[in-house]
Amino acid sequence: MRILLIGAAGRLGTAVGGALADRGHDVLAVGRTSGDLRFDIADPAQITELYERVGKVDAVASAAGDVPYKPVADMTPDDYESAFRGKVLSQVELVRQGLANVAERGSFTLVTGVLSREPIPTGSAASMANGALDAFVRAAAIEIAPQRINAVSATVFTESLEEYGDFFPGIRPVDVADVAQAYVRSVEGGQTGQVYTLD
């Protein structure tokens, strides 16, 4: 399959790209500052340019999304708008614009996260964004068939515990390689409207 991978240079994106390439797929790596293609998916116009550049693909997989982390009392309207634009609208737009570019039975895989189910202090924007994406995936699935759409929702990565472990007390981490396999399942499998949880 020819697969467009957004956020390919990050920890998750690197693992996903490797897992897909190991299975013989042609992975087109997209990032803001690195990768085969340089585009910022937070800008709808750049998503249009990206699809014009790559043409038809069999799948789109996203491992990118930015949200601010602050206590609710310190958040501003701009912070919440930034979270919604950076993680939700960017991925929704990947799907909306991608419908014409993804194969008839192709797929979209989005990234959400554990905070829609297990909130933490300072994580309200991430919880909001993840919950919105979980709901979008379920709703979009009933409209875009036979194209498919799923999301991968993981907790903190084992490999990131040194940096982020203190924010997830008592929450079991997951190896990033296991998260990458959920992307493989979404891309190669037959399910749609699923949120694959790893926690």
Protein backbone atom coordinates (compact mmCIF):
# COMPACT_ATOMS: atom_id res chain seq x y z
CA MET A 1 0.00 0.00 0.00
CA ARG A 2 0.97 3.61 -0.53
CA ILE A 3 0.57 5.27 2.86
CA LEU A 4 0.74 8.93 3.82
CA LEU A 5 2.16 9.20 7.35
CA ILE A 6 1.74 12.54 9.13
CA GLY A 7 4.10 13.33 12.01
CA ALA A 8 6.56 10.75 10.81
CA ALA A 9 9.61 12.14 12.63
CA GLY A 10 8.24 11.96 16.18
CA ARG A 11 8.65 9.03 18.55
CA LEU A 12 5.30 7.54 17.57
CA GLY A 13 5.59 8.41 13.89
CA THR A 14 9.02 6.80 13.66
CA ALA A 15 7.67 3.58 15.18
CA VAL A 16 4.60 3.58 12.95
CA GLY A 17 6.65 4.26 9.84
CA GLY A 18 9.04 1.45 10.68
CA ALA A 19 6.24 -1.02 11.39
CA LEU A 20 4.47 -0.22 8.13
CA ALA A 21 7.67 -0.28 6.07
CA ASP A 22 8.62 -3.64 7.61
CA ARG A 23 5.37 -5.01 6.21
CA GLY A 24 6.29 -3.88 2.71
CA HIS A 25 4.28 -0.67 2.49
CA ASP A 26 5.46 2.44 0.67
CA VAL A 27 5.43 5.09 3.41
CA LEU A 28 5.46 8.79 2.49
CA ALA A 29 6.74 10.65 5.56
CA VAL A 30 5.23 14.09 6.22
CA GLY A 31 6.38 16.61 8.81
CA ARG A 32 6.57 20.32 9.46
CA THR A 33 10.37 20.39 9.44
CA SER A 34 11.47 16.95 8.27
CA GLY A 35 10.38 13.99 6.18
CA ASP A 36 9.85 13.27 2.50
CA LEU A 37 7.30 16.09 2.37
CA ARG A 38 7.21 19.28 4.48
CA PHE A 39 3.71 20.45 5.31
CA ASP A 40 1.96 21.80 8.40
CA ILE A 41 -1.43 20.11 8.71
CA ALA A 42 -2.67 22.81 11.10
CA ASP A 43 -3.08 24.92 7.93
CA PRO A 44 -5.95 23.65 5.72
CA ALA A 45 -4.34 25.23 2.66
CA GLN A 46 -1.20 23.16 3.23
CA ILE A 47 -3.30 19.99 3.47
CA THR A 48 -4.74 20.88 0.06
CA GLU A 49 -1.21 21.32 -1.30
CA LEU A 50 -0.12 18.04 0.27
CA TYR A 51 -2.87 16.03 -1.41
CA GLU A 52 -2.23 17.78 -4.72
CA ARG A 53 1.42 16.78 -4.43
CA VAL A 54 0.96 13.10 -3.50
CA GLY A 55 -2.13 12.24 -5.52
CA LYS A 56 -3.85 8.93 -4.77
CA VAL A 57 -2.91 6.93 -1.68
CA ASP A 58 -4.26 3.78 -0.06
CA ALA A 59 -4.19 5.08 3.50
CA VAL A 60 -3.54 8.14 5.62
CA ALA A 61 -2.12 7.70 9.13
CA SER A 62 -1.67 10.58 11.54
CA ALA A 63 0.69 10.60 14.50
CA ALA A 64 0.63 14.38 15.00
CA GLY A 65 -1.29 16.83 17.13
CA ASP A 66 -0.30 19.70 19.42
CA VAL A 67 -2.11 20.76 22.60
CA PRO A 68 -1.08 23.04 25.49
CA TYR A 69 -0.86 21.69 29.05
CA LYS A 70 -1.81 24.14 31.80
CA PRO A 71 -4.15 24.27 34.79
CA VAL A 72 -7.69 25.20 33.78
CA ALA A 73 -7.42 28.50 35.67
CA ASP A 74 -4.40 29.45 33.54
CA MET A 75 -5.86 28.42 30.20
CA THR A 76 -7.10 31.12 27.84
CA PRO A 77 -9.66 30.94 25.05
CA ASP A 78 -6.75 31.00 22.63
CA ASP A 79 -5.20 27.97 24.37
CA TYR A 80 -8.34 25.90 23.90
CA GLU A 81 -8.73 27.11 20.34
CA SER A 82 -5.11 26.21 19.67
CA ALA A 83 -5.67 22.69 21.02
CA PHE A 84 -8.76 22.24 18.91
CA ARG A 85 -7.05 23.53 15.78
CA GLY A 86 -3.76 21.74 16.42
CA LYS A 87 -5.12 18.28 17.12
CA VAL A 88 -8.79 18.07 16.15
CA LEU A 89 -9.41 20.30 13.13
CA SER A 90 -6.08 19.38 11.56
CA GLN A 91 -6.93 15.67 11.59
CA VAL A 92 -10.58 16.21 10.65
CA GLU A 93 -9.35 18.21 7.66
CA LEU A 94 -6.99 15.39 6.69
CA VAL A 95 -10.07 13.18 6.41
CA ARG A 96 -12.39 15.72 4.81
CA GLN A 97 -9.95 16.68 2.09
CA GLY A 98 -8.56 13.17 1.82
CA LEU A 99 -11.82 11.49 0.84
CA ALA A 100 -11.12 12.23 -2.82
CA ASN A 101 -7.51 11.08 -2.59
CA VAL A 102 -7.76 7.85 -0.61
CA ALA A 103 -8.60 4.61 -2.43
CA GLU A 104 -12.21 3.44 -2.44
CA ARG A 105 -11.51 0.86 0.26
CA GLY A 106 -8.65 2.78 1.84
CA SER A 107 -8.41 4.04 5.39
CA PHE A 108 -7.67 6.89 7.74
CA THR A 109 -6.03 6.35 11.13
CA LEU A 110 -6.04 9.27 13.56
CA VAL A 111 -4.27 9.73 16.89
CA THR A 112 -6.18 10.53 20.07
CA GLY A 113 -5.07 9.53 23.57
CA VAL A 114 -5.81 8.22 27.04
CA LEU A 115 -6.81 11.60 28.47
CA SER A 116 -10.29 11.34 26.99
CA ARG A 117 -10.79 8.42 29.40
CA GLU A 118 -8.35 9.13 32.21
CA PRO A 119 -7.92 12.90 32.73
CA ILE A 120 -4.91 14.36 34.52
CA PRO A 121 -4.23 17.79 36.04
CA THR A 122 -3.19 20.32 33.37
CA GLY A 123 -4.61 18.07 30.63
CA SER A 124 -8.07 19.56 30.02
CA ALA A 125 -7.23 20.71 26.49
CA ALA A 126 -5.89 17.28 25.55
CA SER A 127 -8.94 15.59 27.09
CA MET A 128 -11.21 17.89 25.08
CA ALA A 129 -9.33 17.26 21.84
CA ASN A 130 -9.10 13.49 22.29
CA GLY A 131 -12.78 13.17 23.17
CA ALA A 132 -13.77 15.18 20.12
CA LEU A 133 -11.67 12.99 17.85
CA ASP A 134 -13.03 9.76 19.35
CA ALA A 135 -16.56 10.99 18.61
CA PHE A 136 -15.64 12.19 15.12
CA VAL A 137 -14.19 8.81 14.16
CA ARG A 138 -17.39 7.00 15.17
CA ALA A 139 -19.55 9.52 13.31
CA ALA A 140 -17.45 9.69 10.15
CA ALA A 141 -17.34 5.90 9.85
CA ILE A 142 -21.04 5.69 9.11
CA GLU A 143 -20.74 8.20 6.26
CA ILE A 144 -17.54 7.44 4.40
CA ALA A 145 -17.89 3.69 3.76
CA PRO A 146 -16.45 1.78 2.01
CA GLN A 147 -13.49 3.92 3.09
CA ARG A 148 -12.61 3.23 6.72
CA ILE A 149 -11.59 5.38 9.67
CA ASN A 150 -10.21 4.46 13.10
CA ALA A 151 -8.24 6.09 15.88
CA VAL A 152 -5.40 4.92 18.08
CA SER A 153 -5.63 6.02 21.71
CA ALA A 154 -2.66 5.18 23.90
CA THR A 155 -1.41 6.11 27.33
CA VAL A 156 2.10 7.41 28.03
CA PHE A 157 4.83 5.52 26.17
CA THR A 158 7.29 3.45 28.17
CA GLU A 159 10.04 5.22 26.23
CA SER A 160 8.73 8.61 27.43
CA LEU A 161 8.45 7.86 31.14
CA GLU A 162 11.53 9.89 32.05
CA GLU A 163 9.99 13.02 30.51
CA TYR A 164 6.27 12.51 31.18
CA GLY A 165 5.83 9.70 33.68
CA ASP A 166 5.17 12.03 36.62
CA PHE A 167 2.06 13.34 34.86
CA PHE A 168 0.54 9.84 34.68
CA PRO A 169 0.71 8.46 38.24
CA GLY A 170 -0.64 4.95 38.53
CA ILE A 171 -1.37 4.67 34.81
CA ARG A 172 0.38 1.75 33.16
CA PRO A 173 2.64 2.79 30.28
CA VAL A 174 2.68 1.06 26.90
CA ASP A 175 5.59 0.36 24.57
CA VAL A 176 5.53 2.54 21.48
CA ALA A 177 6.05 -0.58 19.34
CA ASP A 178 2.70 -1.90 20.59
CA VAL A 179 1.03 1.37 19.66
CA ALA A 180 2.54 1.12 16.17
CA GLN A 181 0.95 -2.32 15.79
CA ALA A 182 -2.46 -0.75 16.41
CA TYR A 183 -1.79 1.42 13.36
CA VAL A 184 -0.94 -1.69 11.36
CA ARG A 185 -4.23 -3.22 12.52
CA SER A 186 -6.15 -0.14 11.43
CA VAL A 187 -4.44 0.14 8.04
CA GLU A 188 -4.49 -3.52 7.07
CA GLY A 189 -7.62 -4.71 8.86
CA GLY A 190 -11.28 -4.39 8.02
CA GLN A 191 -12.72 -2.54 11.00
CA THR A 192 -14.03 0.99 10.93
CA GLY A 193 -15.30 3.44 13.54
CA GLN A 194 -13.00 1.93 16.16
CA VAL A 195 -10.92 3.64 18.83
CA TYR A 196 -8.10 1.23 19.59
CA THR A 197 -7.15 1.78 23.22
CA LEU A 198 -3.78 0.88 24.69
CA ASP A 199 -3.54 1.53 28.42
